[in-house]
Amino acid sequence: MKQEAIERLMTLCFSGVGVTMIRCLFLGRLRYRIRKGIRWMMTIGLFVGIWFLFYYFW
């Protein structure tokens, strides 16, 4: 159950990132998007990390 949830979460994240990068490459605004994307990834990573901590140790 936990493994399935993790796999789905990972595929969702990677597919979203891939689609966004391809879209940005076509638009030619990749540098700006990367800067904004890193900030978003850090925020999302923080929330996901906290969620996993609560999920496993609650």
N, C-alpha and C. Protein backbone atom coordinates (compact mmCIF):
# COMPACT_ATOMS: atom_id res chain seq x y z
N MET A 1 0.83 -1.20 0.00
CA MET A 1 0.00 0.00 0.00
C MET A 1 0.87 1.26 0.00
N LYS A 2 1.81 1.32 0.94
CA LYS A 2 2.71 2.48 1.00
C LYS A 2 3.57 2.58 -0.25
N GLN A 3 4.07 1.43 -0.71
CA GLN A 3 4.93 1.40 -1.89
C GLN A 3 4.19 1.92 -3.12
N GLU A 4 2.94 1.52 -3.29
CA GLU A 4 2.12 1.98 -4.41
C GLU A 4 1.94 3.49 -4.36
N ALA A 5 1.66 4.01 -3.17
CA ALA A 5 1.47 5.46 -3.00
C ALA A 5 2.74 6.21 -3.37
N ILE A 6 3.89 5.71 -2.93
CA ILE A 6 5.17 6.35 -3.23
C ILE A 6 5.44 6.34 -4.73
N GLU A 7 5.19 5.19 -5.37
CA GLU A 7 5.42 5.07 -6.82
C GLU A 7 4.53 6.03 -7.59
N ARG A 8 3.27 6.12 -7.22
CA ARG A 8 2.35 7.03 -7.89
C ARG A 8 2.78 8.47 -7.72
N LEU A 9 3.20 8.82 -6.50
CA LEU A 9 3.66 10.18 -6.22
C LEU A 9 4.87 10.53 -7.06
N MET A 10 5.83 9.59 -7.15
CA MET A 10 7.05 9.82 -7.92
C MET A 10 6.75 10.00 -9.40
N THR A 11 5.91 9.11 -9.96
CA THR A 11 5.58 9.21 -11.39
C THR A 11 4.84 10.51 -11.67
N LEU A 12 3.96 10.91 -10.78
CA LEU A 12 3.22 12.16 -10.93
C LEU A 12 4.19 13.34 -10.96
N CYS A 13 5.13 13.37 -10.01
CA CYS A 13 6.11 14.45 -9.94
C CYS A 13 6.96 14.49 -11.20
N PHE A 14 7.50 13.32 -11.61
CA PHE A 14 8.41 13.29 -12.75
C PHE A 14 7.69 13.65 -14.05
N SER A 15 6.46 13.17 -14.23
CA SER A 15 5.71 13.49 -15.45
C SER A 15 5.40 14.98 -15.50
N GLY A 16 5.03 15.55 -14.35
CA GLY A 16 4.74 16.98 -14.29
C GLY A 16 5.97 17.81 -14.62
N VAL A 17 7.12 17.43 -14.05
CA VAL A 17 8.37 18.15 -14.30
C VAL A 17 8.76 18.04 -15.77
N GLY A 18 8.65 16.83 -16.33
CA GLY A 18 9.01 16.60 -17.73
C GLY A 18 8.16 17.43 -18.69
N VAL A 19 6.85 17.41 -18.46
CA VAL A 19 5.94 18.18 -19.31
C VAL A 19 6.25 19.67 -19.22
N THR A 20 6.49 20.15 -18.01
CA THR A 20 6.80 21.57 -17.80
C THR A 20 8.09 21.95 -18.51
N MET A 21 9.12 21.10 -18.41
CA MET A 21 10.41 21.39 -19.05
C MET A 21 10.27 21.44 -20.56
N ILE A 22 9.53 20.48 -21.15
CA ILE A 22 9.34 20.46 -22.60
C ILE A 22 8.59 21.72 -23.03
N ARG A 23 7.56 22.07 -22.31
CA ARG A 23 6.77 23.26 -22.62
C ARG A 23 7.65 24.51 -22.56
N CYS A 24 8.51 24.58 -21.52
CA CYS A 24 9.38 25.74 -21.36
C CYS A 24 10.44 25.80 -22.46
N LEU A 25 10.95 24.63 -22.89
CA LEU A 25 11.92 24.61 -23.97
C LEU A 25 11.32 25.19 -25.24
N PHE A 26 10.07 24.83 -25.52
CA PHE A 26 9.40 25.35 -26.71
C PHE A 26 9.14 26.84 -26.58
N LEU A 27 8.84 27.30 -25.38
CA LEU A 27 8.56 28.72 -25.18
C LEU A 27 9.84 29.54 -25.11
N GLY A 28 10.95 28.91 -24.75
CA GLY A 28 12.22 29.61 -24.67
C GLY A 28 12.39 30.42 -23.39
N ARG A 29 11.66 30.08 -22.38
CA ARG A 29 11.77 30.78 -21.09
C ARG A 29 12.28 29.84 -20.02
N LEU A 30 13.18 28.96 -20.40
CA LEU A 30 13.61 27.88 -19.51
C LEU A 30 14.36 28.41 -18.29
N ARG A 31 15.23 29.40 -18.52
CA ARG A 31 16.06 29.90 -17.42
C ARG A 31 15.19 30.49 -16.31
N TYR A 32 14.22 31.30 -16.71
CA TYR A 32 13.31 31.91 -15.73
C TYR A 32 12.50 30.85 -15.01
N ARG A 33 12.04 29.86 -15.76
CA ARG A 33 11.22 28.80 -15.18
C ARG A 33 12.02 27.94 -14.22
N ILE A 34 13.29 27.70 -14.52
CA ILE A 34 14.13 26.89 -13.64
C ILE A 34 14.27 27.58 -12.29
N ARG A 35 14.52 28.90 -12.33
CA ARG A 35 14.66 29.64 -11.07
C ARG A 35 13.39 29.53 -10.24
N LYS A 36 12.25 29.74 -10.90
CA LYS A 36 10.98 29.64 -10.19
C LYS A 36 10.71 28.19 -9.79
N GLY A 37 11.07 27.25 -10.66
CA GLY A 37 10.84 25.82 -10.43
C GLY A 37 11.61 25.29 -9.24
N ILE A 38 12.86 25.75 -9.08
CA ILE A 38 13.67 25.30 -7.94
C ILE A 38 12.99 25.71 -6.63
N ARG A 39 12.48 26.94 -6.61
CA ARG A 39 11.79 27.42 -5.42
C ARG A 39 10.56 26.56 -5.13
N TRP A 40 9.79 26.27 -6.20
CA TRP A 40 8.60 25.43 -6.05
C TRP A 40 8.97 24.03 -5.58
N MET A 41 10.03 23.44 -6.19
CA MET A 41 10.44 22.08 -5.85
C MET A 41 10.88 22.01 -4.38
N MET A 42 11.60 23.03 -3.91
CA MET A 42 12.02 23.05 -2.52
C MET A 42 10.82 23.11 -1.58
N THR A 43 9.84 23.96 -1.94
CA THR A 43 8.64 24.08 -1.11
C THR A 43 7.87 22.77 -1.08
N ILE A 44 7.66 22.19 -2.27
CA ILE A 44 6.91 20.93 -2.37
C ILE A 44 7.66 19.81 -1.65
N GLY A 45 8.99 19.77 -1.82
CA GLY A 45 9.81 18.77 -1.16
C GLY A 45 9.71 18.86 0.35
N LEU A 46 9.69 20.09 0.85
CA LEU A 46 9.55 20.30 2.29
C LEU A 46 8.22 19.75 2.79
N PHE A 47 7.14 20.09 2.08
CA PHE A 47 5.82 19.60 2.49
C PHE A 47 5.72 18.09 2.41
N VAL A 48 6.25 17.51 1.34
CA VAL A 48 6.21 16.05 1.17
C VAL A 48 7.03 15.37 2.26
N GLY A 49 8.19 15.94 2.58
CA GLY A 49 9.04 15.39 3.64
C GLY A 49 8.35 15.40 4.99
N ILE A 50 7.70 16.51 5.31
CA ILE A 50 6.97 16.62 6.57
C ILE A 50 5.83 15.61 6.60
N TRP A 51 5.13 15.49 5.45
CA TRP A 51 4.01 14.55 5.37
C TRP A 51 4.48 13.12 5.59
N PHE A 52 5.62 12.74 4.97
CA PHE A 52 6.16 11.39 5.15
C PHE A 52 6.56 11.15 6.61
N LEU A 53 7.16 12.15 7.25
CA LEU A 53 7.54 12.01 8.65
C LEU A 53 6.31 11.74 9.52
N PHE A 54 5.27 12.53 9.32
CA PHE A 54 4.04 12.32 10.08
C PHE A 54 3.43 10.96 9.78
N TYR A 55 3.45 10.58 8.49
CA TYR A 55 2.81 9.34 8.05
C TYR A 55 3.49 8.11 8.66
N TYR A 56 4.82 8.14 8.72
CA TYR A 56 5.55 6.97 9.22
C TYR A 56 5.68 6.94 10.74
N PHE A 57 5.76 8.09 11.38
CA PHE A 57 6.06 8.12 12.82
C PHE A 57 4.87 8.50 13.69
N TRP A 58 3.69 8.68 13.10
CA TRP A 58 2.54 9.06 13.90
C TRP A 58 2.06 7.91 14.75
